[in-house]
Amino acid sequence: MRRVFVVLAFALTAAACTSEGLPNSYADQDGRAETQFVEACQSALADSDVDDPVEYCQCAFYTVAADLSFEEFLALDERLRDDPAALSLEERTLLEGVNLPCEFTAADINAAVSSS
């Protein structure tokens, strides 16, 4: 489980990087933050014992996006770049709490984004 946690922290830092500059929301740049998060997560889990990395990584993104505003996501990304261990207990619990079947869906994220 520790490896999976590290993967999620890595995926957070990879998600905010784009060649088009930083997205302004989870939906900006055709959902680039989600795409990059999921791709980085899947790549990092390639040699892990996670049964379904695709589903797991998508759920991890939904879990993060449902709990953190995009501004909080970017702030967390920035802290992790400076110090990969710079997670609060609440953030660590969030990342360690990703389980399948996923309790979040794309509809949950869309609703959260449109209400903010």
C-alpha atoms as a PDB file:
ATOM      1  CA  MET A   1       0.000   0.000   0.000  1.00  0.00           C
ATOM      2  CA  ARG A   2       2.896   2.355   0.653  1.00  0.00           C
ATOM      3  CA  ARG A   3       3.944   2.105  -3.013  1.00  0.00           C
ATOM      4  CA  VAL A   4       0.428   2.971  -4.148  1.00  0.00           C
ATOM      5  CA  PHE A   5       0.409   6.010  -1.867  1.00  0.00           C
ATOM      6  CA  VAL A   6       3.726   7.213  -3.318  1.00  0.00           C
ATOM      7  CA  VAL A   7       2.331   6.674  -6.822  1.00  0.00           C
ATOM      8  CA  LEU A   8      -0.648   8.897  -6.051  1.00  0.00           C
ATOM      9  CA  ALA A   9       1.601  11.621  -4.702  1.00  0.00           C
ATOM     10  CA  PHE A  10       3.694  11.364  -7.876  1.00  0.00           C
ATOM     11  CA  ALA A  11       0.577  11.488 -10.054  1.00  0.00           C
ATOM     12  CA  LEU A  12      -0.486  14.707  -8.352  1.00  0.00           C
ATOM     13  CA  THR A  13       2.766  16.399  -9.280  1.00  0.00           C
ATOM     14  CA  ALA A  14       2.613  15.129 -12.862  1.00  0.00           C
ATOM     15  CA  ALA A  15      -0.991  16.246 -13.345  1.00  0.00           C
ATOM     16  CA  ALA A  16      -0.428  19.950 -12.942  1.00  0.00           C
ATOM     17  CA  CYS A  17       2.326  20.092 -15.554  1.00  0.00           C
ATOM     18  CA  THR A  18       1.260  20.867 -19.098  1.00  0.00           C
ATOM     19  CA  SER A  19       2.940  22.205 -22.171  1.00  0.00           C
ATOM     20  CA  GLU A  20       0.036  24.669 -22.467  1.00  0.00           C
ATOM     21  CA  GLY A  21       0.614  26.135 -19.018  1.00  0.00           C
ATOM     22  CA  LEU A  22      -1.312  25.394 -15.875  1.00  0.00           C
ATOM     23  CA  PRO A  23      -4.979  24.564 -16.282  1.00  0.00           C
ATOM     24  CA  ASN A  24      -7.391  26.853 -14.438  1.00  0.00           C
ATOM     25  CA  SER A  25      -9.785  24.089 -13.396  1.00  0.00           C
ATOM     26  CA  TYR A  26     -10.210  20.328 -13.491  1.00  0.00           C
ATOM     27  CA  ALA A  27     -12.115  20.733 -16.779  1.00  0.00           C
ATOM     28  CA  ASP A  28      -9.744  23.267 -18.380  1.00  0.00           C
ATOM     29  CA  GLN A  29      -7.730  22.198 -21.432  1.00  0.00           C
ATOM     30  CA  ASP A  30     -10.150  19.333 -22.111  1.00  0.00           C
ATOM     31  CA  GLY A  31      -9.581  17.804 -18.684  1.00  0.00           C
ATOM     32  CA  ARG A  32      -5.801  17.782 -18.987  1.00  0.00           C
ATOM     33  CA  ALA A  33      -5.258  17.561 -15.220  1.00  0.00           C
ATOM     34  CA  GLU A  34      -7.342  14.365 -15.107  1.00  0.00           C
ATOM     35  CA  THR A  35      -5.660  12.876 -18.163  1.00  0.00           C
ATOM     36  CA  GLN A  36      -2.166  13.546 -16.876  1.00  0.00           C
ATOM     37  CA  PHE A  37      -2.971  12.353 -13.358  1.00  0.00           C
ATOM     38  CA  VAL A  38      -4.414   9.066 -14.635  1.00  0.00           C
ATOM     39  CA  GLU A  39      -1.589   8.491 -17.139  1.00  0.00           C
ATOM     40  CA  ALA A  40       1.122   9.187 -14.542  1.00  0.00           C
ATOM     41  CA  CYS A  41      -0.625   6.959 -12.021  1.00  0.00           C
ATOM     42  CA  GLN A  42      -1.008   4.075 -14.504  1.00  0.00           C
ATOM     43  CA  SER A  43       2.600   4.341 -15.579  1.00  0.00           C
ATOM     44  CA  ALA A  44       3.822   4.321 -11.985  1.00  0.00           C
ATOM     45  CA  LEU A  45       1.611   1.316 -11.148  1.00  0.00           C
ATOM     46  CA  ALA A  46       2.790  -0.747 -14.136  1.00  0.00           C
ATOM     47  CA  ASP A  47       4.804  -3.146 -11.960  1.00  0.00           C
ATOM     48  CA  SER A  48       2.561  -3.069  -8.901  1.00  0.00           C
ATOM     49  CA  ASP A  49       0.130  -5.614  -7.514  1.00  0.00           C
ATOM     50  CA  VAL A  50      -2.903  -3.377  -8.154  1.00  0.00           C
ATOM     51  CA  ASP A  51      -5.436  -5.562  -9.978  1.00  0.00           C
ATOM     52  CA  ASP A  52      -6.846  -2.874 -12.266  1.00  0.00           C
ATOM     53  CA  PRO A  53      -4.538   0.154 -12.523  1.00  0.00           C
ATOM     54  CA  VAL A  54      -6.823   1.914 -15.019  1.00  0.00           C
ATOM     55  CA  GLU A  55      -9.854   1.766 -12.741  1.00  0.00           C
ATOM     56  CA  TYR A  56      -7.783   2.433  -9.629  1.00  0.00           C
ATOM     57  CA  CYS A  57      -6.137   5.528 -11.098  1.00  0.00           C
ATOM     58  CA  GLN A  58      -9.427   6.910 -12.380  1.00  0.00           C
ATOM     59  CA  CYS A  59     -10.927   6.391  -8.933  1.00  0.00           C
ATOM     60  CA  ALA A  60      -7.915   8.060  -7.322  1.00  0.00           C
ATOM     61  CA  PHE A  61      -8.440  11.115  -9.485  1.00  0.00           C
ATOM     62  CA  TYR A  62     -12.180  11.217  -8.728  1.00  0.00           C
ATOM     63  CA  THR A  63     -11.407  10.865  -5.020  1.00  0.00           C
ATOM     64  CA  VAL A  64      -8.940  13.756  -5.079  1.00  0.00           C
ATOM     65  CA  ALA A  65     -11.155  15.976  -7.254  1.00  0.00           C
ATOM     66  CA  ALA A  66     -14.228  15.314  -5.100  1.00  0.00           C
ATOM     67  CA  ASP A  67     -12.369  16.333  -1.941  1.00  0.00           C
ATOM     68  CA  LEU A  68     -10.034  19.108  -3.102  1.00  0.00           C
ATOM     69  CA  SER A  69     -10.887  22.257  -4.990  1.00  0.00           C
ATOM     70  CA  PHE A  70      -8.687  22.800  -8.021  1.00  0.00           C
ATOM     71  CA  GLU A  71      -6.835  25.523  -6.125  1.00  0.00           C
ATOM     72  CA  GLU A  72      -6.164  23.070  -3.270  1.00  0.00           C
ATOM     73  CA  PHE A  73      -5.034  20.497  -5.839  1.00  0.00           C
ATOM     74  CA  LEU A  74      -2.513  22.982  -7.272  1.00  0.00           C
ATOM     75  CA  ALA A  75      -1.328  23.999  -3.789  1.00  0.00           C
ATOM     76  CA  LEU A  76      -0.811  20.348  -2.870  1.00  0.00           C
ATOM     77  CA  ASP A  77       1.059  19.803  -6.117  1.00  0.00           C
ATOM     78  CA  GLU A  78       3.336  22.734  -5.321  1.00  0.00           C
ATOM     79  CA  ARG A  79       4.058  21.457  -1.804  1.00  0.00           C
ATOM     80  CA  LEU A  80       4.825  17.962  -3.125  1.00  0.00           C
ATOM     81  CA  ARG A  81       7.277  19.386  -5.651  1.00  0.00           C
ATOM     82  CA  ASP A  82       9.169  21.078  -2.831  1.00  0.00           C
ATOM     83  CA  ASP A  83       8.909  18.140  -0.430  1.00  0.00           C
ATOM     84  CA  PRO A  84       7.405  14.790  -1.513  1.00  0.00           C
ATOM     85  CA  ALA A  85       6.560  14.059   2.120  1.00  0.00           C
ATOM     86  CA  ALA A  86       4.675  17.345   2.636  1.00  0.00           C
ATOM     87  CA  LEU A  87       1.217  15.904   3.114  1.00  0.00           C
ATOM     88  CA  SER A  88      -1.084  16.741   5.961  1.00  0.00           C
ATOM     89  CA  LEU A  89      -2.718  13.873   7.821  1.00  0.00           C
ATOM     90  CA  GLU A  90      -5.989  14.689   6.048  1.00  0.00           C
ATOM     91  CA  GLU A  91      -4.328  14.578   2.608  1.00  0.00           C
ATOM     92  CA  ARG A  92      -2.505  11.360   3.413  1.00  0.00           C
ATOM     93  CA  THR A  93      -5.770   9.797   4.602  1.00  0.00           C
ATOM     94  CA  LEU A  94      -7.469  10.916   1.389  1.00  0.00           C
ATOM     95  CA  LEU A  95      -4.808   9.340  -0.824  1.00  0.00           C
ATOM     96  CA  GLU A  96      -4.589   6.156   1.227  1.00  0.00           C
ATOM     97  CA  GLY A  97      -8.376   5.808   1.203  1.00  0.00           C
ATOM     98  CA  VAL A  98      -8.819   5.055  -2.503  1.00  0.00           C
ATOM     99  CA  ASN A  99     -10.721   1.777  -2.805  1.00  0.00           C
ATOM    100  CA  LEU A 100     -12.487  -0.156  -5.509  1.00  0.00           C
ATOM    101  CA  PRO A 101     -15.267  -0.202  -6.344  1.00  0.00           C
ATOM    102  CA  CYS A 102     -14.991   3.542  -6.506  1.00  0.00           C
ATOM    103  CA  GLU A 103     -17.446   5.598  -4.500  1.00  0.00           C
ATOM    104  CA  PHE A 104     -17.115   8.547  -6.921  1.00  0.00           C
ATOM    105  CA  THR A 105     -18.017   8.944 -10.597  1.00  0.00           C
ATOM    106  CA  ALA A 106     -17.432  11.531 -13.287  1.00  0.00           C
ATOM    107  CA  ALA A 107     -20.948  12.851 -12.571  1.00  0.00           C
ATOM    108  CA  ASP A 108     -19.937  13.562  -8.954  1.00  0.00           C
ATOM    109  CA  ILE A 109     -16.933  15.539 -10.144  1.00  0.00           C
ATOM    110  CA  ASN A 110     -18.947  17.454 -12.745  1.00  0.00           C
ATOM    111  CA  ALA A 111     -21.537  18.374 -10.106  1.00  0.00           C
ATOM    112  CA  ALA A 112     -18.839  19.512  -7.672  1.00  0.00           C
ATOM    113  CA  VAL A 113     -17.069  21.583 -10.315  1.00  0.00           C
ATOM    114  CA  SER A 114     -20.220  23.277 -11.566  1.00  0.00           C
ATOM    115  CA  SER A 115     -21.352  24.176  -8.038  1.00  0.00           C
ATOM    116  CA  SER A 116     -18.098  25.948  -7.180  1.00  0.00           C
END
